[in-house]
């Protein structure tokens, strides 16, 4: 009887361990083209604790937004029709477990190709997956980024 209880206990432990929480590392960026202002607007959503780990600062401190701005500028590059674009950080918002980051680039009259380099959180989390959804004049393109595939390009 003891042997059966022991085997059942080990089996139950194995079943419970299979439901253990596994961290999922991802960011999502939405890119919208604003025809009137010829601007690409970027909205990125990340896990608050993940970005906090990457930039090594508490999200509740005054310097958090400045560090997020620096981090995005160092880890996200955009090229439109082969030309690099300057990204302007427009703000961030901590909302519980998520951080929303806003940036934009202007002077985009037409997009034939868009090339993005996205290394957000890839250095901190090896299994990080970054998704970028681009909406341009009724067309939708999706890019994904991970270690080994930090650059992606789409044509319109």
C-alpha atoms as a PDB file:
ATOM      1  CA  UNK A   1       0.000   0.000   0.000  1.00  0.00           C
ATOM      2  CA  UNK A   2       2.858   2.382   0.850  1.00  0.00           C
ATOM      3  CA  UNK A   3       4.445   1.699  -2.532  1.00  0.00           C
ATOM      4  CA  UNK A   4       1.213   2.568  -4.376  1.00  0.00           C
ATOM      5  CA  UNK A   5       0.845   5.811  -2.382  1.00  0.00           C
ATOM      6  CA  UNK A   6       4.472   6.687  -3.113  1.00  0.00           C
ATOM      7  CA  UNK A   7       4.028   6.078  -6.868  1.00  0.00           C
ATOM      8  CA  UNK A   8       0.748   8.046  -6.870  1.00  0.00           C
ATOM      9  CA  UNK A   9       2.461  10.902  -5.019  1.00  0.00           C
ATOM     10  CA  UNK A  10       5.330  11.039  -7.521  1.00  0.00           C
ATOM     11  CA  UNK A  11       2.864  10.917 -10.404  1.00  0.00           C
ATOM     12  CA  UNK A  12       0.761  13.724  -8.864  1.00  0.00           C
ATOM     13  CA  UNK A  13       3.894  15.841  -8.390  1.00  0.00           C
ATOM     14  CA  UNK A  14       4.877  15.341 -12.034  1.00  0.00           C
ATOM     15  CA  UNK A  15       1.388  16.336 -13.199  1.00  0.00           C
ATOM     16  CA  UNK A  16       1.435  19.496 -11.041  1.00  0.00           C
ATOM     17  CA  UNK A  17       4.894  20.457 -12.321  1.00  0.00           C
ATOM     18  CA  UNK A  18       3.675  20.233 -15.901  1.00  0.00           C
ATOM     19  CA  UNK A  19       1.309  23.132 -15.098  1.00  0.00           C
ATOM     20  CA  UNK A  20       4.064  25.318 -13.659  1.00  0.00           C
ATOM     21  CA  UNK A  21       4.042  28.922 -14.796  1.00  0.00           C
ATOM     22  CA  UNK A  22       6.473  29.618 -17.622  1.00  0.00           C
ATOM     23  CA  UNK A  23       7.389  33.198 -18.422  1.00  0.00           C
ATOM     24  CA  UNK A  24       6.375  34.383 -21.839  1.00  0.00           C
ATOM     25  CA  UNK A  25       8.509  37.223 -23.169  1.00  0.00           C
ATOM     26  CA  UNK A  26       6.970  39.383 -25.873  1.00  0.00           C
ATOM     27  CA  UNK A  27       6.343  42.913 -27.009  1.00  0.00           C
ATOM     28  CA  UNK A  28       3.769  44.148 -29.461  1.00  0.00           C
ATOM     29  CA  UNK A  29       4.152  47.252 -31.613  1.00  0.00           C
ATOM     30  CA  UNK A  30       1.414  48.809 -33.697  1.00  0.00           C
ATOM     31  CA  UNK A  31       2.486  51.171 -36.500  1.00  0.00           C
ATOM     32  CA  UNK A  32      -0.091  53.500 -38.024  1.00  0.00           C
ATOM     33  CA  UNK A  33       0.457  55.804 -40.970  1.00  0.00           C
ATOM     34  CA  UNK A  34      -1.269  59.171 -40.530  1.00  0.00           C
ATOM     35  CA  UNK A  35      -1.846  60.499 -44.038  1.00  0.00           C
ATOM     36  CA  UNK A  36      -2.591  64.122 -43.073  1.00  0.00           C
ATOM     37  CA  UNK A  37       0.628  64.667 -41.112  1.00  0.00           C
ATOM     38  CA  UNK A  38       2.756  62.186 -43.144  1.00  0.00           C
ATOM     39  CA  UNK A  39       3.700  60.519 -39.856  1.00  0.00           C
ATOM     40  CA  UNK A  40       4.291  56.961 -38.697  1.00  0.00           C
ATOM     41  CA  UNK A  41       3.006  56.552 -35.131  1.00  0.00           C
ATOM     42  CA  UNK A  42       4.338  53.663 -33.044  1.00  0.00           C
ATOM     43  CA  UNK A  43       2.656  52.204 -29.968  1.00  0.00           C
ATOM     44  CA  UNK A  44       4.568  49.481 -28.140  1.00  0.00           C
ATOM     45  CA  UNK A  45       3.242  47.345 -25.305  1.00  0.00           C
ATOM     46  CA  UNK A  46       5.656  45.474 -23.032  1.00  0.00           C
ATOM     47  CA  UNK A  47       5.529  43.705 -19.696  1.00  0.00           C
ATOM     48  CA  UNK A  48       6.375  46.191 -16.922  1.00  0.00           C
ATOM     49  CA  UNK A  49       8.686  43.897 -14.961  1.00  0.00           C
ATOM     50  CA  UNK A  50      10.496  42.763 -18.135  1.00  0.00           C
ATOM     51  CA  UNK A  51      11.327  46.283 -19.294  1.00  0.00           C
ATOM     52  CA  UNK A  52      12.218  47.206 -15.716  1.00  0.00           C
ATOM     53  CA  UNK A  53      14.693  44.289 -15.646  1.00  0.00           C
ATOM     54  CA  UNK A  54      16.174  45.366 -18.992  1.00  0.00           C
ATOM     55  CA  UNK A  55      16.735  49.022 -18.098  1.00  0.00           C
ATOM     56  CA  UNK A  56      17.494  48.291 -14.435  1.00  0.00           C
ATOM     57  CA  UNK A  57      15.153  50.878 -12.952  1.00  0.00           C
ATOM     58  CA  UNK A  58      11.924  50.685 -10.972  1.00  0.00           C
ATOM     59  CA  UNK A  59       8.899  51.753 -13.065  1.00  0.00           C
ATOM     60  CA  UNK A  60       7.603  53.833 -10.148  1.00  0.00           C
ATOM     61  CA  UNK A  61      10.612  56.170 -10.094  1.00  0.00           C
ATOM     62  CA  UNK A  62      10.855  59.569 -11.733  1.00  0.00           C
ATOM     63  CA  UNK A  63      13.667  58.516 -14.095  1.00  0.00           C
ATOM     64  CA  UNK A  64      11.789  55.563 -15.580  1.00  0.00           C
ATOM     65  CA  UNK A  65      10.399  57.414 -18.622  1.00  0.00           C
ATOM     66  CA  UNK A  66      13.809  58.908 -19.501  1.00  0.00           C
ATOM     67  CA  UNK A  67      15.395  55.440 -19.363  1.00  0.00           C
ATOM     68  CA  UNK A  68      12.595  53.949 -21.482  1.00  0.00           C
ATOM     69  CA  UNK A  69      13.163  56.682 -24.075  1.00  0.00           C
ATOM     70  CA  UNK A  70      16.893  55.942 -24.174  1.00  0.00           C
ATOM     71  CA  UNK A  71      16.226  52.199 -24.364  1.00  0.00           C
ATOM     72  CA  UNK A  72      13.794  52.506 -27.301  1.00  0.00           C
ATOM     73  CA  UNK A  73      16.168  54.820 -29.178  1.00  0.00           C
ATOM     74  CA  UNK A  74      18.954  52.252 -28.755  1.00  0.00           C
ATOM     75  CA  UNK A  75      16.869  49.193 -29.664  1.00  0.00           C
ATOM     76  CA  UNK A  76      14.455  50.217 -32.421  1.00  0.00           C
ATOM     77  CA  UNK A  77      15.461  51.558 -35.858  1.00  0.00           C
ATOM     78  CA  UNK A  78      13.262  52.332 -38.853  1.00  0.00           C
ATOM     79  CA  UNK A  79      14.212  52.776 -42.512  1.00  0.00           C
ATOM     80  CA  UNK A  80      11.613  53.954 -45.025  1.00  0.00           C
ATOM     81  CA  UNK A  81      12.500  53.407 -48.687  1.00  0.00           C
ATOM     82  CA  UNK A  82      16.095  52.763 -47.617  1.00  0.00           C
ATOM     83  CA  UNK A  83      16.470  55.997 -45.630  1.00  0.00           C
ATOM     84  CA  UNK A  84      16.917  55.956 -41.843  1.00  0.00           C
ATOM     85  CA  UNK A  85      14.207  57.779 -39.913  1.00  0.00           C
ATOM     86  CA  UNK A  86      14.664  59.639 -36.645  1.00  0.00           C
ATOM     87  CA  UNK A  87      12.299  58.413 -33.960  1.00  0.00           C
ATOM     88  CA  UNK A  88      10.778  60.950 -31.597  1.00  0.00           C
ATOM     89  CA  UNK A  89       9.729  59.594 -28.221  1.00  0.00           C
ATOM     90  CA  UNK A  90       6.323  61.042 -27.314  1.00  0.00           C
ATOM     91  CA  UNK A  91       5.687  59.358 -23.959  1.00  0.00           C
ATOM     92  CA  UNK A  92       5.081  56.241 -21.943  1.00  0.00           C
ATOM     93  CA  UNK A  93       2.446  54.999 -19.559  1.00  0.00           C
ATOM     94  CA  UNK A  94       2.707  52.314 -16.896  1.00  0.00           C
ATOM     95  CA  UNK A  95      -0.596  50.517 -16.543  1.00  0.00           C
ATOM     96  CA  UNK A  96      -0.225  47.670 -14.050  1.00  0.00           C
ATOM     97  CA  UNK A  97       1.595  44.784 -15.702  1.00  0.00           C
ATOM     98  CA  UNK A  98       1.992  46.652 -19.011  1.00  0.00           C
ATOM     99  CA  UNK A  99       4.040  49.598 -20.188  1.00  0.00           C
ATOM    100  CA  UNK A 100       2.792  51.500 -23.219  1.00  0.00           C
ATOM    101  CA  UNK A 101       5.487  53.389 -25.150  1.00  0.00           C
ATOM    102  CA  UNK A 102       4.709  55.979 -27.820  1.00  0.00           C
ATOM    103  CA  UNK A 103       7.057  57.303 -30.506  1.00  0.00           C
ATOM    104  CA  UNK A 104       6.780  58.592 -34.056  1.00  0.00           C
ATOM    105  CA  UNK A 105       8.650  59.701 -37.153  1.00  0.00           C
ATOM    106  CA  UNK A 106       7.567  62.353 -39.617  1.00  0.00           C
ATOM    107  CA  UNK A 107       8.199  63.278 -43.219  1.00  0.00           C
ATOM    108  CA  UNK A 108       6.911  59.985 -44.630  1.00  0.00           C
ATOM    109  CA  UNK A 109       5.179  60.826 -47.892  1.00  0.00           C
ATOM    110  CA  UNK A 110       5.070  57.289 -49.264  1.00  0.00           C
ATOM    111  CA  UNK A 111       6.201  53.822 -48.186  1.00  0.00           C
ATOM    112  CA  UNK A 112       7.473  51.401 -50.796  1.00  0.00           C
ATOM    113  CA  UNK A 113       9.590  49.485 -48.284  1.00  0.00           C
ATOM    114  CA  UNK A 114       9.906  49.651 -44.536  1.00  0.00           C
ATOM    115  CA  UNK A 115      12.812  48.001 -42.746  1.00  0.00           C
ATOM    116  CA  UNK A 116      12.813  47.684 -38.981  1.00  0.00           C
ATOM    117  CA  UNK A 117      15.508  46.597 -36.564  1.00  0.00           C
ATOM    118  CA  UNK A 118      13.889  45.620 -33.270  1.00  0.00           C
ATOM    119  CA  UNK A 119      16.124  44.326 -30.469  1.00  0.00           C
ATOM    120  CA  UNK A 120      13.803  45.300 -27.606  1.00  0.00           C
ATOM    121  CA  UNK A 121      14.403  42.916 -24.675  1.00  0.00           C
ATOM    122  CA  UNK A 122      16.314  40.445 -26.885  1.00  0.00           C
ATOM    123  CA  UNK A 123      19.523  41.005 -24.918  1.00  0.00           C
ATOM    124  CA  UNK A 124      17.815  40.369 -21.591  1.00  0.00           C
ATOM    125  CA  UNK A 125      15.490  37.504 -22.504  1.00  0.00           C
ATOM    126  CA  UNK A 126      16.802  34.936 -25.035  1.00  0.00           C
ATOM    127  CA  UNK A 127      13.289  33.677 -25.856  1.00  0.00           C
ATOM    128  CA  UNK A 128      11.855  37.171 -26.395  1.00  0.00           C
ATOM    129  CA  UNK A 129       9.470  37.570 -29.356  1.00  0.00           C
ATOM    130  CA  UNK A 130       8.654  41.035 -30.720  1.00  0.00           C
ATOM    131  CA  UNK A 131       5.708  41.517 -33.051  1.00  0.00           C
ATOM    132  CA  UNK A 132       5.194  44.607 -35.213  1.00  0.00           C
ATOM    133  CA  UNK A 133       1.910  45.233 -37.053  1.00  0.00           C
ATOM    134  CA  UNK A 134       2.045  47.936 -39.741  1.00  0.00           C
ATOM    135  CA  UNK A 135      -1.060  49.597 -41.180  1.00  0.00           C
ATOM    136  CA  UNK A 136      -0.441  51.643 -44.340  1.00  0.00           C
ATOM    137  CA  UNK A 137      -3.195  52.893 -46.665  1.00  0.00           C
ATOM    138  CA  UNK A 138      -5.477  49.936 -46.078  1.00  0.00           C
ATOM    139  CA  UNK A 139      -2.690  47.335 -46.141  1.00  0.00           C
ATOM    140  CA  UNK A 140      -1.582  45.367 -43.101  1.00  0.00           C
ATOM    141  CA  UNK A 141       1.835  43.724 -42.651  1.00  0.00           C
ATOM    142  CA  UNK A 142       3.129  41.782 -39.660  1.00  0.00           C
ATOM    143  CA  UNK A 143       6.773  41.305 -38.745  1.00  0.00           C
ATOM    144  CA  UNK A 144       8.273  39.205 -35.982  1.00  0.00           C
ATOM    145  CA  UNK A 145      11.662  39.574 -34.359  1.00  0.00           C
ATOM    146  CA  UNK A 146      13.693  37.260 -32.155  1.00  0.00           C
ATOM    147  CA  UNK A 147      17.324  36.473 -31.453  1.00  0.00           C
ATOM    148  CA  UNK A 148      18.989  35.777 -34.786  1.00  0.00           C
ATOM    149  CA  UNK A 149      16.247  37.645 -36.670  1.00  0.00           C
ATOM    150  CA  UNK A 150      16.500  41.217 -35.423  1.00  0.00           C
ATOM    151  CA  UNK A 151      15.843  42.889 -38.822  1.00  0.00           C
ATOM    152  CA  UNK A 152      12.784  42.530 -41.015  1.00  0.00           C
ATOM    153  CA  UNK A 153      11.516  44.287 -44.144  1.00  0.00           C
ATOM    154  CA  UNK A 154       8.119  44.663 -45.798  1.00  0.00           C
ATOM    155  CA  UNK A 155       7.060  46.065 -49.158  1.00  0.00           C
ATOM    156  CA  UNK A 156       3.860  47.937 -49.943  1.00  0.00           C
END
